[in-house]
Structure formats: structure tokens, C-alpha cells
Amino acid sequence: SSMGAASGELTLSVGDDGPGVPASLRDRLFNPRFTTREDGTGMGLFGARKALQELGGDAGHVAPPQGGAQFWLKVPALAA
């Protein structure tokens, strides 16, 4: 994770060294109702991103060249 001093935001990245997200699915990860799980609703990533965007932040996914998956969350600094 890192703190952008000039921008007043926190970016948190979480990754793994597993098989990653197939290229054919990457563009749809944050779409509402998209899921690969039989019992999934497809609202988790969509809802998290939407909530962050409403606060002025964002969320996303990158496919590292070494493999695995990496998700990031950008949270703006909130005024006290």
C-alpha cells in the first residue's frame, strides 16, 4: 500500500501468485451481476467499486506480467 501525499489518497494493492483472472473475463470483473460462481450474485466487486467512486475513489484489476492477479483500491482522504 502507499499514500499519495500530494493527492491525499490511499491506494491499497492486494495480489497473489495464483492462476490469475483469464483474459476473456477481465473486462467484465466489475460489471453488475457478472459472476463465475454458481451461488454468486455478481454484486461484490461492482458494489465495492461503485461505493468508492461515490467517495471520489476507484477500484480496479491488473494482470501482473509474472502471473497472478492484483486488485487495487483507491480511497480519497476524507476531510475531518
Protein backbone atom coordinates (compact mmCIF):
# COMPACT_ATOMS: atom_id res chain seq x y z
CA SER A 1 0.00 0.00 0.00
CA SER A 2 1.07 3.59 -0.49
CA MET A 3 -0.07 7.04 0.48
CA GLY A 4 -0.13 9.73 -2.19
CA ALA A 5 0.98 12.78 -0.17
CA ALA A 6 0.19 15.34 -2.85
CA SER A 7 -3.17 13.89 -3.75
CA GLY A 8 -4.27 12.94 -0.24
CA GLU A 9 -5.32 9.45 -1.18
CA LEU A 10 -4.51 5.94 -0.10
CA THR A 11 -4.00 3.19 -2.65
CA LEU A 12 -4.10 -0.38 -1.40
CA SER A 13 -2.98 -3.21 -3.69
CA VAL A 14 -3.54 -6.88 -2.97
CA GLY A 15 -2.12 -9.60 -5.19
CA ASP A 16 -1.36 -13.27 -5.37
CA ASP A 17 0.70 -15.70 -7.43
CA GLY A 18 -2.19 -17.97 -8.45
CA PRO A 19 -3.53 -18.60 -11.95
CA GLY A 20 -4.87 -15.03 -12.29
CA VAL A 21 -8.05 -13.90 -13.99
CA PRO A 22 -8.49 -15.25 -17.53
CA ALA A 23 -8.05 -12.52 -20.15
CA SER A 24 -11.54 -13.21 -21.51
CA LEU A 25 -13.09 -12.20 -18.15
CA ARG A 26 -11.00 -9.18 -17.14
CA ASP A 27 -13.16 -6.53 -18.83
CA ARG A 28 -16.28 -7.80 -17.06
CA LEU A 29 -14.99 -8.17 -13.48
CA PHE A 30 -16.71 -5.02 -12.21
CA ASN A 31 -19.94 -5.39 -14.21
CA PRO A 32 -23.13 -5.78 -12.16
CA ARG A 33 -24.37 -9.36 -11.94
CA PHE A 34 -21.22 -10.85 -13.51
CA THR A 35 -20.07 -13.92 -11.60
CA THR A 36 -18.21 -17.15 -12.23
CA ARG A 37 -19.57 -18.78 -9.07
CA GLU A 38 -22.70 -20.89 -9.18
CA ASP A 39 -24.01 -19.27 -5.99
CA GLY A 40 -22.63 -15.77 -6.68
CA THR A 41 -24.65 -12.61 -7.21
CA GLY A 42 -22.03 -10.65 -9.12
CA MET A 43 -22.53 -7.64 -6.88
CA GLY A 44 -19.39 -7.73 -4.71
CA LEU A 45 -16.77 -6.11 -6.93
CA PHE A 46 -19.40 -3.93 -8.62
CA GLY A 47 -20.72 -2.64 -5.29
CA ALA A 48 -17.27 -2.02 -3.84
CA ARG A 49 -16.17 -0.04 -6.89
CA LYS A 50 -19.40 1.95 -7.01
CA ALA A 51 -19.12 2.89 -3.33
CA LEU A 52 -15.51 4.01 -3.77
CA GLN A 53 -16.38 6.02 -6.89
CA GLU A 54 -19.15 7.82 -5.00
CA LEU A 55 -16.49 8.92 -2.49
CA GLY A 56 -14.13 10.06 -5.26
CA GLY A 57 -12.03 6.88 -5.28
CA ASP A 58 -11.95 3.83 -7.52
CA ALA A 59 -11.04 0.14 -7.73
CA GLY A 60 -9.51 -1.98 -10.46
CA HIS A 61 -7.61 -5.07 -11.51
CA VAL A 62 -4.30 -5.59 -13.24
CA ALA A 63 -2.69 -8.75 -14.56
CA PRO A 64 0.96 -8.66 -13.47
CA PRO A 65 3.42 -9.90 -16.12
CA GLN A 66 4.75 -12.51 -13.68
CA GLY A 67 1.25 -14.02 -13.32
CA GLY A 68 -1.34 -13.99 -10.58
CA ALA A 69 -3.89 -11.29 -10.01
CA GLN A 70 -3.70 -7.86 -8.43
CA PHE A 71 -6.61 -5.72 -7.28
CA TRP A 72 -6.26 -2.13 -6.13
CA LEU A 73 -8.48 0.21 -4.14
CA LYS A 74 -8.00 3.97 -4.20
CA VAL A 75 -9.54 5.80 -1.26
CA PRO A 76 -9.55 9.62 -1.11
CA ALA A 77 -8.66 11.42 2.08
CA LEU A 78 -11.82 12.46 3.85
CA ALA A 79 -11.95 15.87 5.48
CA ALA A 80 -12.47 15.78 9.24
